């Protein structure tokens, strides 16, 4: 199975505003994105720590998405709501399966 996952970890004491920004830009991002799926999570053990898990068909599509003007604009606005710079994990998918 081919695929690529990018995990963006960030801290923010303004998470409600981060979510509002995502909602505000969702339509524009949906038209331009190469992402297949986005999951937003909160770390239960570390307050104000969040991870966005973004799934792509390939590394190339993820990099194309990262350089799009819409993604750049979102990242710039989001960085103003975070307590520090985000950490990125770029992961090649080796296997994926589901349990019924």
Protein backbone atom coordinates (compact mmCIF):
# COMPACT_ATOMS: atom_id res chain seq x y z
CA UNK A 1 0.00 0.00 0.00
CA UNK A 2 1.42 3.35 -0.98
CA UNK A 3 0.77 6.52 0.91
CA UNK A 4 2.21 9.26 3.01
CA UNK A 5 1.23 10.74 6.37
CA UNK A 6 2.31 14.08 7.76
CA UNK A 7 1.91 14.71 11.48
CA UNK A 8 2.06 18.31 12.67
CA UNK A 9 2.45 18.72 16.42
CA UNK A 10 1.85 22.11 17.98
CA UNK A 11 0.95 23.77 21.24
CA UNK A 12 -1.65 26.47 21.65
CA UNK A 13 -3.55 28.02 24.50
CA UNK A 14 -5.93 29.35 21.81
CA UNK A 15 -7.16 26.07 20.35
CA UNK A 16 -10.73 27.32 19.85
CA UNK A 17 -9.31 30.04 17.59
CA UNK A 18 -7.20 27.47 15.71
CA UNK A 19 -10.37 25.45 15.06
CA UNK A 20 -12.29 28.57 14.00
CA UNK A 21 -9.52 29.43 11.53
CA UNK A 22 -9.70 25.91 10.11
CA UNK A 23 -13.47 26.18 9.71
CA UNK A 24 -13.14 29.61 8.12
CA UNK A 25 -10.64 28.38 5.54
CA UNK A 26 -12.05 24.87 5.03
CA UNK A 27 -13.89 25.63 1.78
CA UNK A 28 -10.88 27.25 0.14
CA UNK A 29 -8.57 24.52 1.39
CA UNK A 30 -10.93 21.79 0.18
CA UNK A 31 -10.74 23.13 -3.38
CA UNK A 32 -6.93 23.32 -3.36
CA UNK A 33 -5.73 20.51 -1.12
CA UNK A 34 -4.05 17.27 -2.08
CA UNK A 35 -4.87 15.81 1.34
CA UNK A 36 -7.14 12.77 1.44
CA UNK A 37 -8.00 12.97 5.12
CA UNK A 38 -7.24 15.20 8.12
CA UNK A 39 -7.61 14.17 11.76
CA UNK A 40 -7.14 16.72 14.55
CA UNK A 41 -6.20 15.29 17.95
CA UNK A 42 -5.51 16.54 21.48
CA UNK A 43 -2.79 14.95 23.59
CA UNK A 44 -4.48 13.78 26.82
CA UNK A 45 -1.17 13.72 28.69
CA UNK A 46 0.15 17.13 27.64
CA UNK A 47 -2.25 20.06 28.01
CA UNK A 48 -2.49 22.45 25.06
CA UNK A 49 -0.67 19.98 22.78
CA UNK A 50 -2.36 19.01 19.51
CA UNK A 51 -1.50 16.88 16.51
CA UNK A 52 -2.91 17.15 13.02
CA UNK A 53 -2.61 13.89 11.10
CA UNK A 54 -2.84 14.54 7.36
CA UNK A 55 -2.99 11.66 4.86
CA UNK A 56 -1.82 11.95 1.25
CA UNK A 57 -1.49 9.61 -1.72
CA UNK A 58 2.25 10.30 -1.93
CA UNK A 59 5.15 12.35 -0.58
CA UNK A 60 5.11 14.38 -3.81
CA UNK A 61 1.46 15.36 -3.31
CA UNK A 62 2.18 16.32 0.31
CA UNK A 63 5.04 18.60 -0.76
CA UNK A 64 2.90 20.13 -3.51
CA UNK A 65 0.19 20.75 -0.93
CA UNK A 66 2.67 22.32 1.51
CA UNK A 67 3.80 24.82 -1.10
CA UNK A 68 0.31 25.90 -2.22
CA UNK A 69 -0.64 29.53 -1.49
CA UNK A 70 -3.72 28.41 0.47
CA UNK A 71 -1.70 26.12 2.74
CA UNK A 72 0.97 28.80 3.18
CA UNK A 73 -1.67 31.38 4.16
CA UNK A 74 -3.28 28.98 6.63
CA UNK A 75 0.09 28.06 8.20
CA UNK A 76 1.03 31.72 8.57
CA UNK A 77 -2.25 32.59 10.30
CA UNK A 78 -2.16 29.47 12.46
CA UNK A 79 1.39 30.18 13.63
CA UNK A 80 0.10 33.39 15.21
CA UNK A 81 -2.24 31.28 17.38
CA UNK A 82 0.41 28.79 18.51
CA UNK A 83 2.70 29.00 21.54
CA UNK A 84 5.76 28.00 19.49
CA UNK A 85 6.79 26.54 16.16
CA UNK A 86 5.21 23.25 15.05
CA UNK A 87 7.10 19.97 14.73
CA UNK A 88 6.61 17.98 11.53
CA UNK A 89 6.85 14.22 11.04
CA UNK A 90 6.94 13.00 7.44
CA UNK A 91 6.02 9.31 7.31
CA UNK A 92 5.95 6.81 4.45
CA UNK A 93 3.06 4.38 4.89
CA UNK A 94 4.37 0.80 4.94
CA UNK A 95 1.13 -0.94 5.85
CA UNK A 96 -2.42 -0.06 6.85
CA UNK A 97 -5.34 -2.23 7.87
CA UNK A 98 -8.64 -2.03 9.73
CA UNK A 99 -10.37 -4.35 12.16
CA UNK A 100 -14.08 -5.02 11.80
